[in-house]
Amino acid sequence: MSIGIKEQLIKIARQNSGAFTLQNVRNADISIRTFYRMRDAGEVICISRGVYQLADNYEGSQGSPEYAIIKARIPQSVLYLVSALYHHELTVEIPRCVHIAIKRNSSIPRIHYPKLRIYRMSDKSYSSGIDQQLIDGVRLNIYSPEKTIADCFKYRNQLGTDLAVEALKKYLSRKDAKPSAVLKMAKICRVEKVIYPYMEALV
């Protein structure tokens, strides 16, 4: 691999949390034929269909492969429900798969790894409460703690009411808790009447 091309790929990878796609390579005016020669030589490795990483370690290359794949293949996705709860430290339950939300009419590619659970949402619910965080070395969209709690109450029949109530309890015990923000998100998720009695009991 020439130093010039390697430096270009390192720059691309850093801009994309350690991973990149063929489209990223094309946009950088790197020959696809040259890129495939580098792949065949083991200088570039495929971590999922259409998603690549450089084989050599470099500063900023240690992002989670699972999240790097999601970032590269479904950049519009938002970390959701149990996955978001876990990263907000509002549950001790380790997600068995990555929960993500997308817009209802979004088209997404088929991904075999990591295991995903995908939820399609209305535009208003999807766009409310999105934050960005650096999670395991990858900058991801993730719902705020308040939106996540409201969503967990919305899906309480699937996830269990206990999970949602425990998350609310943990959240309200924090010094920076904002009960009004939880109620605002609960209204957007149409669970305001469900969550309000628990809020009254815990606040």
Protein backbone atom coordinates (compact mmCIF):
# COMPACT_ATOMS: atom_id res chain seq x y z
CA MET A 1 0.00 0.00 0.00
CA SER A 2 1.44 3.37 -0.92
CA ILE A 3 1.86 5.82 1.94
CA GLY A 4 -0.38 8.35 0.20
CA ILE A 5 -3.31 5.95 -0.16
CA LYS A 6 -2.85 4.63 3.37
CA GLU A 7 -2.96 8.16 4.76
CA GLN A 8 -6.12 8.80 2.77
CA LEU A 9 -7.75 5.66 4.16
CA ILE A 10 -6.70 6.52 7.71
CA LYS A 11 -8.34 9.92 7.28
CA ILE A 12 -11.52 8.31 5.91
CA ALA A 13 -11.59 5.78 8.74
CA ARG A 14 -11.14 8.46 11.40
CA GLN A 15 -14.01 10.42 9.92
CA ASN A 16 -16.22 7.32 10.09
CA SER A 17 -15.39 5.91 13.55
CA GLY A 18 -12.80 3.44 12.28
CA ALA A 19 -14.72 1.88 9.39
CA PHE A 20 -15.52 2.88 5.83
CA THR A 21 -17.50 1.75 2.80
CA LEU A 22 -16.70 1.47 -0.89
CA GLN A 23 -18.61 4.69 -1.44
CA ASN A 24 -16.26 6.45 0.98
CA VAL A 25 -13.34 5.08 -1.05
CA ARG A 26 -14.86 6.27 -4.35
CA ASN A 27 -15.56 9.70 -2.89
CA ALA A 28 -11.85 9.98 -2.03
CA ASP A 29 -10.94 9.22 -5.69
CA ILE A 30 -9.11 6.04 -4.73
CA SER A 31 -9.14 3.42 -7.48
CA ILE A 32 -11.43 0.52 -6.58
CA ARG A 33 -9.02 -1.83 -8.34
CA THR A 34 -6.20 -0.57 -6.12
CA PHE A 35 -8.44 -0.91 -3.08
CA TYR A 36 -9.28 -4.53 -3.92
CA ARG A 37 -5.57 -5.31 -4.35
CA MET A 38 -5.01 -3.95 -0.85
CA ARG A 39 -7.87 -6.09 0.45
CA ASP A 40 -6.50 -9.22 -1.23
CA ALA A 41 -3.07 -8.47 0.27
CA GLY A 42 -4.58 -8.32 3.77
CA GLU A 43 -3.93 -4.59 4.22
CA VAL A 44 -7.65 -3.93 4.44
CA ILE A 45 -10.13 -6.29 6.11
CA CYS A 46 -13.86 -6.70 5.54
CA ILE A 47 -15.76 -6.63 8.86
CA SER A 48 -19.22 -6.88 7.28
CA ARG A 49 -20.67 -6.84 3.79
CA GLY A 50 -19.45 -3.59 2.25
CA VAL A 51 -17.76 -2.33 5.44
CA TYR A 52 -13.97 -2.28 5.85
CA GLN A 53 -11.23 -1.44 8.32
CA LEU A 54 -7.48 -1.06 7.94
CA ALA A 55 -5.60 -4.13 9.17
CA ASP A 56 -2.90 -2.03 10.88
CA ASN A 57 -3.72 -0.33 14.16
CA TYR A 58 -3.53 3.44 14.13
CA GLU A 59 -4.61 6.15 16.53
CA GLY A 60 -8.41 6.21 16.60
CA SER A 61 -8.88 2.72 15.14
CA GLN A 62 -10.19 0.98 18.25
CA GLY A 63 -13.89 1.60 17.84
CA SER A 64 -16.39 -1.22 18.40
CA PRO A 65 -16.71 -3.22 15.14
CA GLU A 66 -20.42 -3.77 15.85
CA TYR A 67 -21.16 -0.09 16.21
CA ALA A 68 -18.82 0.83 13.36
CA ILE A 69 -20.86 -1.43 11.06
CA ILE A 70 -24.13 0.16 12.17
CA LYS A 71 -22.66 3.64 11.73
CA ALA A 72 -21.42 2.80 8.23
CA ARG A 73 -24.45 0.87 6.95
CA ILE A 74 -27.35 2.59 8.75
CA PRO A 75 -26.07 6.08 9.65
CA GLN A 76 -29.59 7.39 10.27
CA SER A 77 -30.29 4.79 12.99
CA VAL A 78 -30.66 5.77 16.65
CA LEU A 79 -29.69 3.56 19.60
CA TYR A 80 -32.97 2.61 21.21
CA LEU A 81 -34.75 0.96 24.17
CA VAL A 82 -32.59 -1.52 26.13
CA SER A 83 -29.43 -0.59 24.21
CA ALA A 84 -29.95 3.09 25.06
CA LEU A 85 -30.91 2.28 28.67
CA TYR A 86 -27.71 0.29 29.09
CA HIS A 87 -25.48 3.09 27.84
CA HIS A 88 -27.29 5.64 29.99
CA GLU A 89 -26.65 3.32 32.98
CA LEU A 90 -30.36 3.02 33.67
CA THR A 91 -30.38 -0.78 33.63
CA VAL A 92 -28.02 -3.62 34.48
CA GLU A 93 -29.60 -5.78 31.77
CA ILE A 94 -27.12 -6.45 28.98
CA PRO A 95 -28.87 -6.22 25.58
CA ARG A 96 -28.96 -9.51 23.68
CA CYS A 97 -28.95 -7.57 20.41
CA VAL A 98 -28.59 -3.96 19.35
CA HIS A 99 -31.90 -2.09 19.46
CA ILE A 100 -32.12 0.69 16.88
CA ALA A 101 -34.86 3.03 15.65
CA ILE A 102 -35.32 4.33 12.12
CA LYS A 103 -37.96 6.38 10.33
CA ARG A 104 -41.01 4.38 9.33
CA ASN A 105 -40.41 4.52 5.57
CA SER A 106 -36.62 4.23 5.65
CA SER A 107 -34.94 1.70 3.41
CA ILE A 108 -32.07 -0.15 5.10
CA PRO A 109 -29.61 -2.81 3.92
CA ARG A 110 -29.67 -6.39 5.17
CA ILE A 111 -27.06 -6.85 7.90
CA HIS A 112 -26.11 -10.27 9.26
CA TYR A 113 -23.81 -8.92 11.97
CA PRO A 114 -24.33 -7.55 14.54
CA LYS A 115 -27.74 -8.91 15.51
CA LEU A 116 -30.23 -6.05 15.31
CA ARG A 117 -33.75 -5.39 16.48
CA ILE A 118 -35.18 -2.62 14.34
CA TYR A 119 -38.12 -0.39 15.25
CA ARG A 120 -39.81 1.85 12.69
CA MET A 121 -41.16 5.12 14.06
CA SER A 122 -43.22 8.10 12.96
CA ASP A 123 -41.20 11.18 11.99
CA LYS A 124 -42.13 13.08 15.17
CA SER A 125 -41.31 10.23 17.54
CA TYR A 126 -38.12 9.39 15.64
CA SER A 127 -36.77 12.94 15.62
CA SER A 128 -37.52 13.78 19.28
CA GLY A 129 -34.77 13.50 21.87
CA ILE A 130 -31.85 12.46 19.66
CA ASP A 131 -28.39 13.02 21.15
CA GLN A 132 -24.95 12.03 19.93
CA GLN A 133 -22.45 10.21 22.12
CA LEU A 134 -19.09 8.55 21.67
CA ILE A 135 -19.93 4.95 22.57
CA ASP A 136 -17.18 2.31 22.52
CA GLY A 137 -15.15 4.54 20.22
CA VAL A 138 -17.96 5.21 17.72
CA ARG A 139 -20.01 8.41 17.56
CA LEU A 140 -23.61 7.26 17.46
CA ASN A 141 -27.08 8.70 17.56
CA ILE A 142 -28.79 7.74 20.81
CA TYR A 143 -32.02 8.83 22.43
CA SER A 144 -31.80 10.96 25.55
CA PRO A 145 -32.48 9.28 28.91
CA GLU A 146 -35.88 10.98 29.06
CA LYS A 147 -36.94 9.79 25.60
CA THR A 148 -35.59 6.31 26.30
CA ILE A 149 -37.65 5.97 29.46
CA ALA A 150 -40.79 7.08 27.65
CA ASP A 151 -40.10 4.59 24.86
CA CYS A 152 -39.62 1.78 27.38
CA PHE A 153 -43.05 2.52 28.84
CA LYS A 154 -44.45 2.51 25.31
CA TYR A 155 -43.04 -1.00 24.79
CA ARG A 156 -43.70 -2.17 28.35
CA ASN A 157 -45.73 -5.16 27.15
CA GLN A 158 -42.70 -6.45 25.23
CA LEU A 159 -39.92 -5.40 27.59
CA GLY A 160 -41.72 -5.69 30.92
CA THR A 161 -43.09 -2.91 33.07
CA ASP A 162 -40.48 -3.64 35.75
CA LEU A 163 -37.67 -2.65 33.37
CA ALA A 164 -39.33 0.68 32.57
CA VAL A 165 -40.16 1.47 36.21
CA GLU A 166 -36.67 0.59 37.42
CA ALA A 167 -35.15 2.84 34.75
CA LEU A 168 -37.44 5.70 35.80
CA LYS A 169 -36.50 5.15 39.44
CA LYS A 170 -32.76 5.22 38.65
CA TYR A 171 -33.18 8.33 36.54
CA LEU A 172 -35.18 10.25 39.15
CA SER A 173 -32.52 9.49 41.78
CA ARG A 174 -29.97 11.52 39.81
CA LYS A 175 -29.22 15.09 40.77
CA ASP A 176 -29.65 16.27 37.19
CA ALA A 177 -33.00 14.51 36.68
CA LYS A 178 -35.66 16.49 34.82
CA PRO A 179 -39.10 15.01 35.54
CA SER A 180 -40.78 17.58 33.27
CA ALA A 181 -38.61 16.42 30.35
CA VAL A 182 -39.71 12.83 30.95
CA LEU A 183 -43.35 13.89 30.87
CA LYS A 184 -42.75 15.89 27.67
CA MET A 185 -41.32 12.81 25.97
CA ALA A 186 -44.08 10.64 27.43
CA LYS A 187 -46.62 12.91 25.75
CA ILE A 188 -44.85 12.52 22.39
CA CYS A 189 -44.85 8.73 22.87
CA ARG A 190 -48.50 8.80 24.00
CA VAL A 191 -47.80 7.21 27.38
CA GLU A 192 -48.27 10.29 29.55
CA LYS A 193 -51.23 8.77 31.43
CA VAL A 194 -49.32 5.53 31.93
CA ILE A 195 -46.16 7.07 33.31
CA TYR A 196 -47.69 9.85 35.41
CA PRO A 197 -48.79 7.66 38.39
CA TYR A 198 -45.27 6.22 38.65
CA MET A 199 -43.83 9.72 38.54
CA GLU A 200 -46.11 10.83 41.37
CA ALA A 201 -45.11 7.84 43.49
CA LEU A 202 -41.36 8.26 42.90
CA VAL A 203 -40.82 12.01 42.91
